[in-house]
Amino acid sequence: MNSLLTIPWRMPTGNDLATTVSAYRKLGWDTFPDEHGSIMAGVGERFDVATFPDALAPAFLSELPDAPVFVDARIHRCTVLTSVACDQVRDVAPDLAEARVRALPRRTPVMLPVLMEDDWDGHRRWLVAPDAAVLPGWDETIAAIGRAIEVAR
């Protein structure tokens, strides 16, 4: 299995964290660094979140190439941000759950990638950088993940 993990040559500095928080806040996201230097945001405030195995990323991105997606290479999972669904996000259908697709409940904190000037990406990095104006809908995203599962079979 190919790993998307790149070993960092340095850890993020306080300036990296401040720059990242500022960049995400320009997108309208209320983010903050936690005590471990991770950048956190609350699910359901400006976006909803679904996660899926990173092996599905190519097929998913062929359908929704502008969807903001980041990968966590340590756990081989992708996270996609969607527009906030009108209704409370429910659990995903059983066939998607079986394929390890998850919906993060509202008010769950999610760790976003730290943005740095060099190519450091640690274990979380954007595959498609976020643009607050281009968040796909929840239903559209879940349907695209379902079709990516079919392609992977």
C-alpha atoms as a PDB file:
ATOM      1  CA  MET A   1       0.000   0.000   0.000  1.00  0.00           C
ATOM      2  CA  ASN A   2       1.354   3.421  -0.919  1.00  0.00           C
ATOM      3  CA  SER A   3       1.656   5.764   1.983  1.00  0.00           C
ATOM      4  CA  LEU A   4       0.819   9.426   1.613  1.00  0.00           C
ATOM      5  CA  LEU A   5       2.873  10.112   4.734  1.00  0.00           C
ATOM      6  CA  THR A   6       5.769  12.513   4.455  1.00  0.00           C
ATOM      7  CA  ILE A   7       8.003  12.716   7.499  1.00  0.00           C
ATOM      8  CA  PRO A   8       8.210  16.359   8.588  1.00  0.00           C
ATOM      9  CA  TRP A   9      11.621  17.918   8.897  1.00  0.00           C
ATOM     10  CA  ARG A  10      10.295  20.420  11.420  1.00  0.00           C
ATOM     11  CA  MET A  11       7.257  20.865  13.579  1.00  0.00           C
ATOM     12  CA  PRO A  12       4.907  23.807  13.068  1.00  0.00           C
ATOM     13  CA  THR A  13       5.886  26.992  14.869  1.00  0.00           C
ATOM     14  CA  GLY A  14       3.610  29.415  16.668  1.00  0.00           C
ATOM     15  CA  ASN A  15       3.737  31.570  13.538  1.00  0.00           C
ATOM     16  CA  ASP A  16       2.616  28.612  11.389  1.00  0.00           C
ATOM     17  CA  LEU A  17      -0.332  28.050  13.714  1.00  0.00           C
ATOM     18  CA  ALA A  18      -1.292  31.746  13.750  1.00  0.00           C
ATOM     19  CA  THR A  19      -1.044  31.945   9.951  1.00  0.00           C
ATOM     20  CA  THR A  20      -3.215  28.843   9.606  1.00  0.00           C
ATOM     21  CA  VAL A  21      -5.857  30.110  12.012  1.00  0.00           C
ATOM     22  CA  SER A  22      -5.938  33.427  10.131  1.00  0.00           C
ATOM     23  CA  ALA A  23      -6.264  31.724   6.725  1.00  0.00           C
ATOM     24  CA  TYR A  24      -9.125  29.513   7.922  1.00  0.00           C
ATOM     25  CA  ARG A  25     -10.886  32.437   9.587  1.00  0.00           C
ATOM     26  CA  LYS A  26     -10.766  34.290   6.256  1.00  0.00           C
ATOM     27  CA  LEU A  27     -12.857  31.381   4.954  1.00  0.00           C
ATOM     28  CA  GLY A  28     -15.335  32.076   7.762  1.00  0.00           C
ATOM     29  CA  TRP A  29     -14.259  29.131   9.915  1.00  0.00           C
ATOM     30  CA  ASP A  30     -13.853  29.637  13.659  1.00  0.00           C
ATOM     31  CA  THR A  31     -10.607  27.737  14.213  1.00  0.00           C
ATOM     32  CA  PHE A  32      -8.176  27.626  17.104  1.00  0.00           C
ATOM     33  CA  PRO A  33      -4.970  25.799  18.030  1.00  0.00           C
ATOM     34  CA  ASP A  34      -5.347  23.277  20.846  1.00  0.00           C
ATOM     35  CA  GLU A  35      -2.763  22.583  23.550  1.00  0.00           C
ATOM     36  CA  HIS A  36      -0.992  20.071  21.267  1.00  0.00           C
ATOM     37  CA  GLY A  37      -0.578  22.483  18.335  1.00  0.00           C
ATOM     38  CA  SER A  38      -3.404  21.022  16.254  1.00  0.00           C
ATOM     39  CA  ILE A  39      -5.823  23.337  14.447  1.00  0.00           C
ATOM     40  CA  MET A  40      -9.382  22.613  15.521  1.00  0.00           C
ATOM     41  CA  ALA A  41     -12.801  23.608  14.161  1.00  0.00           C
ATOM     42  CA  GLY A  42     -16.306  22.614  15.183  1.00  0.00           C
ATOM     43  CA  VAL A  43     -18.365  20.448  12.844  1.00  0.00           C
ATOM     44  CA  GLY A  44     -21.748  21.927  11.961  1.00  0.00           C
ATOM     45  CA  GLU A  45     -20.782  25.560  12.453  1.00  0.00           C
ATOM     46  CA  ARG A  46     -19.671  26.365   8.874  1.00  0.00           C
ATOM     47  CA  PHE A  47     -19.366  22.882   7.399  1.00  0.00           C
ATOM     48  CA  ASP A  48     -20.299  19.257   7.955  1.00  0.00           C
ATOM     49  CA  VAL A  49     -17.765  16.437   7.698  1.00  0.00           C
ATOM     50  CA  ALA A  50     -17.637  12.919   6.305  1.00  0.00           C
ATOM     51  CA  THR A  51     -14.631  10.606   6.433  1.00  0.00           C
ATOM     52  CA  PHE A  52     -13.734   7.658   4.223  1.00  0.00           C
ATOM     53  CA  PRO A  53     -10.759   5.367   3.471  1.00  0.00           C
ATOM     54  CA  ASP A  54      -8.010   7.124   1.493  1.00  0.00           C
ATOM     55  CA  ALA A  55      -8.102   4.410  -1.193  1.00  0.00           C
ATOM     56  CA  LEU A  56     -11.421   5.934  -2.342  1.00  0.00           C
ATOM     57  CA  ALA A  57      -9.937   9.417  -2.853  1.00  0.00           C
ATOM     58  CA  PRO A  58      -9.089   9.163  -6.592  1.00  0.00           C
ATOM     59  CA  ALA A  59     -12.575   7.940  -7.568  1.00  0.00           C
ATOM     60  CA  PHE A  60     -14.252  10.435  -5.231  1.00  0.00           C
ATOM     61  CA  LEU A  61     -12.224  13.376  -6.563  1.00  0.00           C
ATOM     62  CA  SER A  62     -12.953  12.384 -10.158  1.00  0.00           C
ATOM     63  CA  GLU A  63     -16.615  13.097  -9.341  1.00  0.00           C
ATOM     64  CA  LEU A  64     -16.177  16.109  -7.064  1.00  0.00           C
ATOM     65  CA  PRO A  65     -12.803  17.625  -8.021  1.00  0.00           C
ATOM     66  CA  ASP A  66     -13.438  20.893  -6.143  1.00  0.00           C
ATOM     67  CA  ALA A  67     -14.517  19.287  -2.860  1.00  0.00           C
ATOM     68  CA  PRO A  68     -12.161  20.271  -0.029  1.00  0.00           C
ATOM     69  CA  VAL A  69     -10.558  16.993   1.035  1.00  0.00           C
ATOM     70  CA  PHE A  70      -7.612  16.283   3.288  1.00  0.00           C
ATOM     71  CA  VAL A  71      -5.874  13.035   4.077  1.00  0.00           C
ATOM     72  CA  ASP A  72      -4.592  11.783   7.403  1.00  0.00           C
ATOM     73  CA  ALA A  73      -1.804   9.470   6.300  1.00  0.00           C
ATOM     74  CA  ARG A  74      -1.307   7.916   9.739  1.00  0.00           C
ATOM     75  CA  ILE A  75      -4.750   6.352   9.704  1.00  0.00           C
ATOM     76  CA  HIS A  76      -5.298   6.204   5.906  1.00  0.00           C
ATOM     77  CA  ARG A  77      -8.487   8.274   6.037  1.00  0.00           C
ATOM     78  CA  CYS A  78      -9.765  11.234   4.046  1.00  0.00           C
ATOM     79  CA  THR A  79     -11.968  13.973   5.417  1.00  0.00           C
ATOM     80  CA  VAL A  80     -14.279  15.963   3.153  1.00  0.00           C
ATOM     81  CA  LEU A  81     -15.989  19.199   4.135  1.00  0.00           C
ATOM     82  CA  THR A  82     -19.521  19.844   2.912  1.00  0.00           C
ATOM     83  CA  SER A  83     -21.971  22.678   3.247  1.00  0.00           C
ATOM     84  CA  VAL A  84     -24.006  22.466   6.415  1.00  0.00           C
ATOM     85  CA  ALA A  85     -26.961  20.176   5.809  1.00  0.00           C
ATOM     86  CA  CYS A  86     -30.384  21.667   6.537  1.00  0.00           C
ATOM     87  CA  ASP A  87     -31.252  18.767   8.823  1.00  0.00           C
ATOM     88  CA  GLN A  88     -29.095  17.237  11.498  1.00  0.00           C
ATOM     89  CA  VAL A  89     -26.575  14.918   9.825  1.00  0.00           C
ATOM     90  CA  ARG A  90     -27.597  11.324  10.387  1.00  0.00           C
ATOM     91  CA  ASP A  91     -25.537   8.162  10.326  1.00  0.00           C
ATOM     92  CA  VAL A  92     -24.648   6.995   6.838  1.00  0.00           C
ATOM     93  CA  ALA A  93     -26.449   4.075   5.190  1.00  0.00           C
ATOM     94  CA  PRO A  94     -25.357   0.584   6.338  1.00  0.00           C
ATOM     95  CA  ASP A  95     -23.542  -0.207   3.060  1.00  0.00           C
ATOM     96  CA  LEU A  96     -21.466   2.963   3.439  1.00  0.00           C
ATOM     97  CA  ALA A  97     -20.822   2.296   7.123  1.00  0.00           C
ATOM     98  CA  GLU A  98     -19.603  -1.172   6.185  1.00  0.00           C
ATOM     99  CA  ALA A  99     -17.106   0.495   3.814  1.00  0.00           C
ATOM    100  CA  ARG A 100     -15.890   2.631   6.780  1.00  0.00           C
ATOM    101  CA  VAL A 101     -17.595   5.882   5.760  1.00  0.00           C
ATOM    102  CA  ARG A 102     -18.460   8.009   8.775  1.00  0.00           C
ATOM    103  CA  ALA A 103     -20.415  11.204   9.419  1.00  0.00           C
ATOM    104  CA  LEU A 104     -18.981  13.355  12.194  1.00  0.00           C
ATOM    105  CA  PRO A 105     -21.706  14.534  14.569  1.00  0.00           C
ATOM    106  CA  ARG A 106     -22.372  18.217  14.942  1.00  0.00           C
ATOM    107  CA  ARG A 107     -20.261  20.020  17.550  1.00  0.00           C
ATOM    108  CA  THR A 108     -17.493  17.422  17.160  1.00  0.00           C
ATOM    109  CA  PRO A 109     -14.085  19.066  16.939  1.00  0.00           C
ATOM    110  CA  VAL A 110     -12.174  18.188  13.773  1.00  0.00           C
ATOM    111  CA  MET A 111      -8.404  18.619  13.299  1.00  0.00           C
ATOM    112  CA  LEU A 112      -7.572  20.547  10.124  1.00  0.00           C
ATOM    113  CA  PRO A 113      -4.161  20.522   8.414  1.00  0.00           C
ATOM    114  CA  VAL A 114      -1.606  23.097   9.504  1.00  0.00           C
ATOM    115  CA  LEU A 115      -0.637  25.369   6.614  1.00  0.00           C
ATOM    116  CA  MET A 116       3.079  26.015   6.286  1.00  0.00           C
ATOM    117  CA  GLU A 117       5.171  27.846   3.682  1.00  0.00           C
ATOM    118  CA  ASP A 118       7.391  24.868   2.914  1.00  0.00           C
ATOM    119  CA  ASP A 119       6.177  21.437   1.861  1.00  0.00           C
ATOM    120  CA  TRP A 120       5.731  20.089   5.379  1.00  0.00           C
ATOM    121  CA  ASP A 121       2.463  18.314   5.634  1.00  0.00           C
ATOM    122  CA  GLY A 122       2.984  16.078   8.643  1.00  0.00           C
ATOM    123  CA  HIS A 123       0.278  13.487   8.689  1.00  0.00           C
ATOM    124  CA  ARG A 124      -2.633  15.728   7.595  1.00  0.00           C
ATOM    125  CA  ARG A 125      -2.501  17.564   4.268  1.00  0.00           C
ATOM    126  CA  TRP A 126      -4.991  18.977   1.809  1.00  0.00           C
ATOM    127  CA  LEU A 127      -5.561  16.999  -1.383  1.00  0.00           C
ATOM    128  CA  VAL A 128      -7.871  19.804  -2.542  1.00  0.00           C
ATOM    129  CA  ALA A 129      -7.425  23.113  -0.739  1.00  0.00           C
ATOM    130  CA  PRO A 130     -10.577  24.635   0.754  1.00  0.00           C
ATOM    131  CA  ASP A 131     -12.562  27.433  -0.844  1.00  0.00           C
ATOM    132  CA  ALA A 132     -15.493  28.450   1.343  1.00  0.00           C
ATOM    133  CA  ALA A 133     -17.520  29.353  -1.747  1.00  0.00           C
ATOM    134  CA  VAL A 134     -17.202  25.795  -3.106  1.00  0.00           C
ATOM    135  CA  LEU A 135     -18.487  23.373  -0.498  1.00  0.00           C
ATOM    136  CA  PRO A 136     -20.468  20.526  -2.024  1.00  0.00           C
ATOM    137  CA  GLY A 137     -23.805  19.564  -0.549  1.00  0.00           C
ATOM    138  CA  TRP A 138     -24.050  16.739   1.973  1.00  0.00           C
ATOM    139  CA  ASP A 139     -26.262  14.484  -0.172  1.00  0.00           C
ATOM    140  CA  GLU A 140     -24.108  15.078  -3.258  1.00  0.00           C
ATOM    141  CA  THR A 141     -20.973  14.194  -1.284  1.00  0.00           C
ATOM    142  CA  ILE A 142     -22.389  11.007   0.230  1.00  0.00           C
ATOM    143  CA  ALA A 143     -23.620   9.893  -3.206  1.00  0.00           C
ATOM    144  CA  ALA A 144     -20.142  10.492  -4.694  1.00  0.00           C
ATOM    145  CA  ILE A 145     -18.536   8.471  -1.892  1.00  0.00           C
ATOM    146  CA  GLY A 146     -21.010   5.663  -2.616  1.00  0.00           C
ATOM    147  CA  ARG A 147     -20.069   5.667  -6.303  1.00  0.00           C
ATOM    148  CA  ALA A 148     -16.354   5.681  -5.359  1.00  0.00           C
ATOM    149  CA  ILE A 149     -16.983   2.542  -3.317  1.00  0.00           C
ATOM    150  CA  GLU A 150     -18.542   0.881  -6.366  1.00  0.00           C
ATOM    151  CA  VAL A 151     -15.524   1.855  -8.514  1.00  0.00           C
ATOM    152  CA  ALA A 152     -13.163   0.402  -5.892  1.00  0.00           C
ATOM    153  CA  ARG A 153     -14.957  -2.960  -5.858  1.00  0.00           C
END
